[in-house]
Amino acid sequence: DARSPYLAQGATLADLYDPLAMPVDLRKAHTALDVAVEKVYRKTPFTSDAERVAFLFERYEELVRPLAKTAPLKKRRTKLFGV
């Protein structure tokens, strides 16, 4: 939501996420989101953005791992144009 007004005015994501030019309200929105994620997953804050991202990717891998273990789909024969 914090990005929407800027995007509507023609700003690109590259414009908005330039570390030297990021709008204050967008930075505050991301900080609030980071805090919310921390509260969901941990009692203590992450020490860095890199630690937060690594944790979230590890969690994602745990969630999708069972999907990778499913049996492969059977190949179906298809008819090509009445052949």
PDB file of N, CA and C in Angstrom:
ATOM      1  N   ASP A   1       0.815  -1.202   0.000  1.00  0.00           N
ATOM      2  CA  ASP A   1       0.000   0.000   0.000  1.00  0.00           C
ATOM      3  C   ASP A   1       0.856   1.263   0.000  1.00  0.00           C
ATOM      4  N   ALA A   2       1.970   1.214   0.701  1.00  0.00           N
ATOM      5  CA  ALA A   2       2.840   2.395   0.760  1.00  0.00           C
ATOM      6  C   ALA A   2       3.459   2.712  -0.595  1.00  0.00           C
ATOM      7  N   ARG A   3       3.636   1.689  -1.430  1.00  0.00           N
ATOM      8  CA  ARG A   3       4.220   1.893  -2.762  1.00  0.00           C
ATOM      9  C   ARG A   3       3.238   2.469  -3.764  1.00  0.00           C
ATOM     10  N   SER A   4       1.966   2.130  -3.602  1.00  0.00           N
ATOM     11  CA  SER A   4       0.951   2.439  -4.617  1.00  0.00           C
ATOM     12  C   SER A   4       0.948   3.879  -5.103  1.00  0.00           C
ATOM     13  N   PRO A   5       0.948   4.869  -4.206  1.00  0.00           N
ATOM     14  CA  PRO A   5       0.915   6.249  -4.712  1.00  0.00           C
ATOM     15  C   PRO A   5       2.116   6.596  -5.585  1.00  0.00           C
ATOM     16  N   TYR A   6       3.260   6.074  -5.236  1.00  0.00           N
ATOM     17  CA  TYR A   6       4.471   6.374  -6.004  1.00  0.00           C
ATOM     18  C   TYR A   6       4.433   5.695  -7.370  1.00  0.00           C
ATOM     19  N   LEU A   7       3.954   4.447  -7.394  1.00  0.00           N
ATOM     20  CA  LEU A   7       3.851   3.734  -8.665  1.00  0.00           C
ATOM     21  C   LEU A   7       2.825   4.415  -9.568  1.00  0.00           C
ATOM     22  N   ALA A   8       1.742   4.902  -8.977  1.00  0.00           N
ATOM     23  CA  ALA A   8       0.718   5.600  -9.758  1.00  0.00           C
ATOM     24  C   ALA A   8       1.270   6.885 -10.370  1.00  0.00           C
ATOM     25  N   GLN A   9       2.276   7.463  -9.733  1.00  0.00           N
ATOM     26  CA  GLN A   9       2.895   8.688 -10.246  1.00  0.00           C
ATOM     27  C   GLN A   9       4.012   8.386 -11.247  1.00  0.00           C
ATOM     28  N   GLY A  10       4.223   7.089 -11.542  1.00  0.00           N
ATOM     29  CA  GLY A  10       5.212   6.721 -12.542  1.00  0.00           C
ATOM     30  C   GLY A  10       6.561   6.284 -12.009  1.00  0.00           C
ATOM     31  N   ALA A  11       6.724   6.211 -10.692  1.00  0.00           N
ATOM     32  CA  ALA A  11       7.992   5.741 -10.134  1.00  0.00           C
ATOM     33  C   ALA A  11       8.150   4.250 -10.424  1.00  0.00           C
ATOM     34  N   THR A  12       9.370   3.815 -10.619  1.00  0.00           N
ATOM     35  CA  THR A  12       9.656   2.399 -10.811  1.00  0.00           C
ATOM     36  C   THR A  12      10.100   1.798  -9.480  1.00  0.00           C
ATOM     37  N   LEU A  13      10.141   0.474  -9.424  1.00  0.00           N
ATOM     38  CA  LEU A  13      10.649  -0.174  -8.210  1.00  0.00           C
ATOM     39  C   LEU A  13      12.101   0.205  -7.975  1.00  0.00           C
ATOM     40  N   ALA A  14      12.853   0.350  -9.044  1.00  0.00           N
ATOM     41  CA  ALA A  14      14.253   0.780  -8.903  1.00  0.00           C
ATOM     42  C   ALA A  14      14.319   2.166  -8.263  1.00  0.00           C
ATOM     43  N   ASP A  15      13.401   3.052  -8.649  1.00  0.00           N
ATOM     44  CA  ASP A  15      13.358   4.386  -8.035  1.00  0.00           C
ATOM     45  C   ASP A  15      13.054   4.278  -6.544  1.00  0.00           C
ATOM     46  N   LEU A  16      12.045   3.487  -6.227  1.00  0.00           N
ATOM     47  CA  LEU A  16      11.575   3.409  -4.842  1.00  0.00           C
ATOM     48  C   LEU A  16      12.555   2.718  -3.913  1.00  0.00           C
ATOM     49  N   TYR A  17      13.318   1.778  -4.446  1.00  0.00           N
ATOM     50  CA  TYR A  17      14.215   1.017  -3.584  1.00  0.00           C
ATOM     51  C   TYR A  17      15.671   1.447  -3.694  1.00  0.00           C
ATOM     52  N   ASP A  18      15.901   2.602  -4.260  1.00  0.00           N
ATOM     53  CA  ASP A  18      17.237   3.194  -4.240  1.00  0.00           C
ATOM     54  C   ASP A  18      17.529   3.547  -2.777  1.00  0.00           C
ATOM     55  N   PRO A  19      18.568   2.953  -2.188  1.00  0.00           N
ATOM     56  CA  PRO A  19      18.831   3.180  -0.770  1.00  0.00           C
ATOM     57  C   PRO A  19      19.000   4.650  -0.390  1.00  0.00           C
ATOM     58  N   LEU A  20      19.432   5.464  -1.330  1.00  0.00           N
ATOM     59  CA  LEU A  20      19.643   6.877  -1.025  1.00  0.00           C
ATOM     60  C   LEU A  20      18.384   7.719  -1.235  1.00  0.00           C
ATOM     61  N   ALA A  21      17.394   7.165  -1.926  1.00  0.00           N
ATOM     62  CA  ALA A  21      16.225   7.971  -2.261  1.00  0.00           C
ATOM     63  C   ALA A  21      14.900   7.327  -1.841  1.00  0.00           C
ATOM     64  N   MET A  22      14.938   6.244  -1.093  1.00  0.00           N
ATOM     65  CA  MET A  22      13.710   5.549  -0.698  1.00  0.00           C
ATOM     66  C   MET A  22      12.830   6.475   0.135  1.00  0.00           C
ATOM     67  N   PRO A  23      11.548   6.608  -0.224  1.00  0.00           N
ATOM     68  CA  PRO A  23      10.663   7.477   0.552  1.00  0.00           C
ATOM     69  C   PRO A  23      10.562   7.009   2.008  1.00  0.00           C
ATOM     70  N   VAL A  24      10.501   7.959   2.910  1.00  0.00           N
ATOM     71  CA  VAL A  24      10.486   7.662   4.349  1.00  0.00           C
ATOM     72  C   VAL A  24       9.309   6.771   4.716  1.00  0.00           C
ATOM     73  N   ASP A  25       8.117   7.065   4.172  1.00  0.00           N
ATOM     74  CA  ASP A  25       6.951   6.253   4.537  1.00  0.00           C
ATOM     75  C   ASP A  25       7.076   4.810   4.038  1.00  0.00           C
ATOM     76  N   LEU A  26       7.721   4.609   2.905  1.00  0.00           N
ATOM     77  CA  LEU A  26       7.937   3.259   2.400  1.00  0.00           C
ATOM     78  C   LEU A  26       8.938   2.515   3.279  1.00  0.00           C
ATOM     79  N   ARG A  27       9.985   3.195   3.688  1.00  0.00           N
ATOM     80  CA  ARG A  27      10.966   2.581   4.591  1.00  0.00           C
ATOM     81  C   ARG A  27      10.305   2.190   5.917  1.00  0.00           C
ATOM     82  N   LYS A  28       9.442   3.062   6.450  1.00  0.00           N
ATOM     83  CA  LYS A  28       8.735   2.757   7.702  1.00  0.00           C
ATOM     84  C   LYS A  28       7.800   1.565   7.529  1.00  0.00           C
ATOM     85  N   ALA A  29       7.133   1.474   6.373  1.00  0.00           N
ATOM     86  CA  ALA A  29       6.240   0.341   6.107  1.00  0.00           C
ATOM     87  C   ALA A  29       7.029  -0.967   6.081  1.00  0.00           C
ATOM     88  N   HIS A  30       8.194  -0.953   5.459  1.00  0.00           N
ATOM     89  CA  HIS A  30       9.022  -2.158   5.412  1.00  0.00           C
ATOM     90  C   HIS A  30       9.552  -2.525   6.798  1.00  0.00           C
ATOM     91  N   THR A  31       9.899  -1.539   7.583  1.00  0.00           N
ATOM     92  CA  THR A  31      10.360  -1.802   8.946  1.00  0.00           C
ATOM     93  C   THR A  31       9.239  -2.437   9.762  1.00  0.00           C
ATOM     94  N   ALA A  32       8.018  -1.924   9.635  1.00  0.00           N
ATOM     95  CA  ALA A  32       6.868  -2.487  10.352  1.00  0.00           C
ATOM     96  C   ALA A  32       6.607  -3.925   9.906  1.00  0.00           C
ATOM     97  N   LEU A  33       6.745  -4.180   8.614  1.00  0.00           N
ATOM     98  CA  LEU A  33       6.563  -5.538   8.102  1.00  0.00           C
ATOM     99  C   LEU A  33       7.641  -6.473   8.652  1.00  0.00           C
ATOM    100  N   ASP A  34       8.870  -6.010   8.703  1.00  0.00           N
ATOM    101  CA  ASP A  34       9.958  -6.816   9.262  1.00  0.00           C
ATOM    102  C   ASP A  34       9.676  -7.178  10.718  1.00  0.00           C
ATOM    103  N   VAL A  35       9.208  -6.221  11.481  1.00  0.00           N
ATOM    104  CA  VAL A  35       8.891  -6.466  12.899  1.00  0.00           C
ATOM    105  C   VAL A  35       7.767  -7.490  13.010  1.00  0.00           C
ATOM    106  N   ALA A  36       6.753  -7.374  12.162  1.00  0.00           N
ATOM    107  CA  ALA A  36       5.638  -8.322  12.185  1.00  0.00           C
ATOM    108  C   ALA A  36       6.114  -9.739  11.866  1.00  0.00           C
ATOM    109  N   VAL A  37       6.994  -9.872  10.874  1.00  0.00           N
ATOM    110  CA  VAL A  37       7.533 -11.187  10.523  1.00  0.00           C
ATOM    111  C   VAL A  37       8.321 -11.753  11.697  1.00  0.00           C
ATOM    112  N   GLU A  38       9.127 -10.935  12.323  1.00  0.00           N
ATOM    113  CA  GLU A  38       9.912 -11.397  13.464  1.00  0.00           C
ATOM    114  C   GLU A  38       9.008 -11.910  14.575  1.00  0.00           C
ATOM    115  N   LYS A  39       7.932 -11.211  14.849  1.00  0.00           N
ATOM    116  CA  LYS A  39       7.018 -11.628  15.925  1.00  0.00           C
ATOM    117  C   LYS A  39       6.328 -12.944  15.608  1.00  0.00           C
ATOM    118  N   VAL A  40       6.096 -13.210  14.340  1.00  0.00           N
ATOM    119  CA  VAL A  40       5.445 -14.453  13.951  1.00  0.00           C
ATOM    120  C   VAL A  40       6.396 -15.641  14.125  1.00  0.00           C
ATOM    121  N   TYR A  41       7.659 -15.460  13.782  1.00  0.00           N
ATOM    122  CA  TYR A  41       8.584 -16.579  13.725  1.00  0.00           C
ATOM    123  C   TYR A  41       9.553 -16.697  14.894  1.00  0.00           C
ATOM    124  N   ARG A  42       9.825 -15.612  15.588  1.00  0.00           N
ATOM    125  CA  ARG A  42      10.856 -15.660  16.638  1.00  0.00           C
ATOM    126  C   ARG A  42      10.521 -14.752  17.800  1.00  0.00           C
ATOM    127  N   LYS A  43      11.116 -15.075  18.933  1.00  0.00           N
ATOM    128  CA  LYS A  43      10.966 -14.217  20.110  1.00  0.00           C
ATOM    129  C   LYS A  43      12.005 -13.101  20.119  1.00  0.00           C
ATOM    130  N   THR A  44      13.122 -13.340  19.439  1.00  0.00           N
ATOM    131  CA  THR A  44      14.182 -12.332  19.382  1.00  0.00           C
ATOM    132  C   THR A  44      14.307 -11.797  17.964  1.00  0.00           C
ATOM    133  N   PRO A  45      14.662 -10.532  17.816  1.00  0.00           N
ATOM    134  CA  PRO A  45      14.783  -9.959  16.476  1.00  0.00           C
ATOM    135  C   PRO A  45      15.941 -10.568  15.696  1.00  0.00           C
ATOM    136  N   PHE A  46      15.828 -10.543  14.387  1.00  0.00           N
ATOM    137  CA  PHE A  46      16.938 -10.952  13.535  1.00  0.00           C
ATOM    138  C   PHE A  46      18.038  -9.897  13.673  1.00  0.00           C
ATOM    139  N   THR A  47      19.269 -10.319  13.484  1.00  0.00           N
ATOM    140  CA  THR A  47      20.375  -9.378  13.634  1.00  0.00           C
ATOM    141  C   THR A  47      20.650  -8.592  12.359  1.00  0.00           C
ATOM    142  N   SER A  48      20.095  -9.088  11.226  1.00  0.00           N
ATOM    143  CA  SER A  48      20.323  -8.400   9.952  1.00  0.00           C
ATOM    144  C   SER A  48      19.251  -8.812   8.946  1.00  0.00           C
ATOM    145  N   ASP A  49      19.181  -8.056   7.867  1.00  0.00           N
ATOM    146  CA  ASP A  49      18.276  -8.424   6.777  1.00  0.00           C
ATOM    147  C   ASP A  49      18.685  -9.764   6.185  1.00  0.00           C
ATOM    148  N   ALA A  50      19.982  -9.995   6.070  1.00  0.00           N
ATOM    149  CA  ALA A  50      20.477 -11.254   5.508  1.00  0.00           C
ATOM    150  C   ALA A  50      20.035 -12.438   6.361  1.00  0.00           C
ATOM    151  N   GLU A  51      20.087 -12.295   7.670  1.00  0.00           N
ATOM    152  CA  GLU A  51      19.650 -13.376   8.554  1.00  0.00           C
ATOM    153  C   GLU A  51      18.143 -13.617   8.384  1.00  0.00           C
ATOM    154  N   ARG A  52      17.374 -12.548   8.274  1.00  0.00           N
ATOM    155  CA  ARG A  52      15.922 -12.666   8.094  1.00  0.00           C
ATOM    156  C   ARG A  52      15.604 -13.404   6.789  1.00  0.00           C
ATOM    157  N   VAL A  53      16.246 -13.003   5.705  1.00  0.00           N
ATOM    158  CA  VAL A  53      15.996 -13.625   4.401  1.00  0.00           C
ATOM    159  C   VAL A  53      16.415 -15.097   4.422  1.00  0.00           C
ATOM    160  N   ALA A  54      17.568 -15.394   5.003  1.00  0.00           N
ATOM    161  CA  ALA A  54      18.034 -16.782   5.085  1.00  0.00           C
ATOM    162  C   ALA A  54      17.040 -17.629   5.866  1.00  0.00           C
ATOM    163  N   PHE A  55      16.544 -17.113   6.966  1.00  0.00           N
ATOM    164  CA  PHE A  55      15.565 -17.833   7.784  1.00  0.00           C
ATOM    165  C   PHE A  55      14.298 -18.102   6.975  1.00  0.00           C
ATOM    166  N   LEU A  56      13.797 -17.091   6.288  1.00  0.00           N
ATOM    167  CA  LEU A  56      12.555 -17.245   5.520  1.00  0.00           C
ATOM    168  C   LEU A  56      12.719 -18.233   4.369  1.00  0.00           C
ATOM    169  N   PHE A  57      13.880 -18.225   3.697  1.00  0.00           N
ATOM    170  CA  PHE A  57      14.106 -19.198   2.631  1.00  0.00           C
ATOM    171  C   PHE A  57      14.207 -20.616   3.197  1.00  0.00           C
ATOM    172  N   GLU A  58      14.841 -20.773   4.357  1.00  0.00           N
ATOM    173  CA  GLU A  58      14.919 -22.096   4.987  1.00  0.00           C
ATOM    174  C   GLU A  58      13.509 -22.588   5.329  1.00  0.00           C
ATOM    175  N   ARG A  59      12.694 -21.704   5.845  1.00  0.00           N
ATOM    176  CA  ARG A  59      11.303 -22.059   6.183  1.00  0.00           C
ATOM    177  C   ARG A  59      10.535 -22.447   4.922  1.00  0.00           C
ATOM    178  N   TYR A  60      10.713 -21.697   3.851  1.00  0.00           N
ATOM    179  CA  TYR A  60      10.068 -22.007   2.584  1.00  0.00           C
ATOM    180  C   TYR A  60      10.477 -23.395   2.093  1.00  0.00           C
ATOM    181  N   GLU A  61      11.772 -23.692   2.168  1.00  0.00           N
ATOM    182  CA  GLU A  61      12.256 -25.003   1.727  1.00  0.00           C
ATOM    183  C   GLU A  61      11.635 -26.124   2.551  1.00  0.00           C
ATOM    184  N   GLU A  62      11.456 -25.906   3.848  1.00  0.00           N
ATOM    185  CA  GLU A  62      10.807 -26.905   4.691  1.00  0.00           C
ATOM    186  C   GLU A  62       9.364 -27.137   4.241  1.00  0.00           C
ATOM    187  N   LEU A  63       8.692 -26.077   3.855  1.00  0.00           N
ATOM    188  CA  LEU A  63       7.299 -26.194   3.447  1.00  0.00           C
ATOM    189  C   LEU A  63       7.127 -26.888   2.105  1.00  0.00           C
ATOM    190  N   VAL A  64       8.041 -26.669   1.175  1.00  0.00           N
ATOM    191  CA  VAL A  64       7.886 -27.258  -0.160  1.00  0.00           C
ATOM    192  C   VAL A  64       8.574 -28.611  -0.301  1.00  0.00           C
ATOM    193  N   ARG A  65       9.421 -28.977   0.631  1.00  0.00           N
ATOM    194  CA  ARG A  65      10.135 -30.250   0.543  1.00  0.00           C
ATOM    195  C   ARG A  65       9.181 -31.435   0.361  1.00  0.00           C
ATOM    196  N   PRO A  66       8.079 -31.526   1.113  1.00  0.00           N
ATOM    197  CA  PRO A  66       7.162 -32.666   0.905  1.00  0.00           C
ATOM    198  C   PRO A  66       6.588 -32.713  -0.509  1.00  0.00           C
ATOM    199  N   LEU A  67       6.450 -31.594  -1.153  1.00  0.00           N
ATOM    200  CA  LEU A  67       5.923 -31.567  -2.518  1.00  0.00           C
ATOM    201  C   LEU A  67       6.896 -32.203  -3.492  1.00  0.00           C
ATOM    202  N   ALA A  68       8.178 -32.056  -3.241  1.00  0.00           N
ATOM    203  CA  ALA A  68       9.197 -32.618  -4.128  1.00  0.00           C
ATOM    204  C   ALA A  68       9.274 -34.133  -3.996  1.00  0.00           C
ATOM    205  N   LYS A  69       8.778 -34.682  -2.892  1.00  0.00           N
ATOM    206  CA  LYS A  69       8.852 -36.121  -2.655  1.00  0.00           C
ATOM    207  C   LYS A  69       7.668 -36.868  -3.240  1.00  0.00           C
ATOM    208  N   THR A  70       6.707 -36.197  -3.797  1.00  0.00           N
ATOM    209  CA  THR A  70       5.552 -36.874  -4.368  1.00  0.00           C
ATOM    210  C   THR A  70       5.964 -37.655  -5.603  1.00  0.00           C
ATOM    211  N   ALA A  71       5.207 -38.698  -5.888  1.00  0.00           N
ATOM    212  CA  ALA A  71       5.505 -39.533  -7.048  1.00  0.00           C
ATOM    213  C   ALA A  71       5.371 -38.723  -8.324  1.00  0.00           C
ATOM    214  N   PRO A  72       6.228 -39.002  -9.292  1.00  0.00           N
ATOM    215  CA  PRO A  72       6.127 -38.274 -10.557  1.00  0.00           C
ATOM    216  C   PRO A  72       4.809 -38.609 -11.261  1.00  0.00           C
ATOM    217  N   LEU A  73       4.315 -37.660 -11.997  1.00  0.00           N
ATOM    218  CA  LEU A  73       3.084 -37.868 -12.737  1.00  0.00           C
ATOM    219  C   LEU A  73       3.307 -38.853 -13.868  1.00  0.00           C
ATOM    220  N   LYS A  74       2.271 -39.688 -14.121  1.00  0.00           N
ATOM    221  CA  LYS A  74       2.365 -40.606 -15.250  1.00  0.00           C
ATOM    222  C   LYS A  74       2.241 -39.818 -16.536  1.00  0.00           C
ATOM    223  N   LYS A  75       3.040 -40.201 -17.503  1.00  0.00           N
ATOM    224  CA  LYS A  75       2.947 -39.546 -18.801  1.00  0.00           C
ATOM    225  C   LYS A  75       1.699 -40.074 -19.502  1.00  0.00           C
ATOM    226  N   ARG A  76       0.956 -39.161 -20.079  1.00  0.00           N
ATOM    227  CA  ARG A  76      -0.238 -39.553 -20.816  1.00  0.00           C
ATOM    228  C   ARG A  76       0.077 -39.526 -22.299  1.00  0.00           C
ATOM    229  N   ARG A  77      -0.432 -40.495 -22.962  1.00  0.00           N
ATOM    230  CA  ARG A  77      -0.289 -40.495 -24.418  1.00  0.00           C
ATOM    231  C   ARG A  77      -1.327 -39.564 -25.001  1.00  0.00           C
ATOM    232  N   THR A  78      -0.909 -38.772 -25.910  1.00  0.00           N
ATOM    233  CA  THR A  78      -1.847 -37.877 -26.565  1.00  0.00           C
ATOM    234  C   THR A  78      -1.863 -38.172 -28.049  1.00  0.00           C
ATOM    235  N   LYS A  79      -3.012 -37.987 -28.628  1.00  0.00           N
ATOM    236  CA  LYS A  79      -3.142 -38.185 -30.069  1.00  0.00           C
ATOM    237  C   LYS A  79      -2.819 -36.872 -30.756  1.00  0.00           C
ATOM    238  N   LEU A  80      -2.027 -36.962 -31.770  1.00  0.00           N
ATOM    239  CA  LEU A  80      -1.683 -35.778 -32.522  1.00  0.00           C
ATOM    240  C   LEU A  80      -2.561 -35.680 -33.762  1.00  0.00           C
ATOM    241  N   PHE A  81      -3.487 -34.779 -33.739  1.00  0.00           N
ATOM    242  CA  PHE A  81      -4.319 -34.490 -34.892  1.00  0.00           C
ATOM    243  C   PHE A  81      -4.902 -35.743 -35.548  1.00  0.00           C
ATOM    244  N   GLY A  82      -5.531 -36.569 -34.729  1.00  0.00           N
ATOM    245  CA  GLY A  82      -6.226 -37.749 -35.256  1.00  0.00           C
ATOM    246  C   GLY A  82      -5.346 -38.915 -35.618  1.00  0.00           C
ATOM    247  N   VAL A  83      -4.070 -38.884 -35.259  1.00  0.00           N
ATOM    248  CA  VAL A  83      -3.152 -39.985 -35.589  1.00  0.00           C
ATOM    249  C   VAL A  83      -3.287 -41.082 -34.561  1.00  0.00           C
TER     250      VAL A  83
END
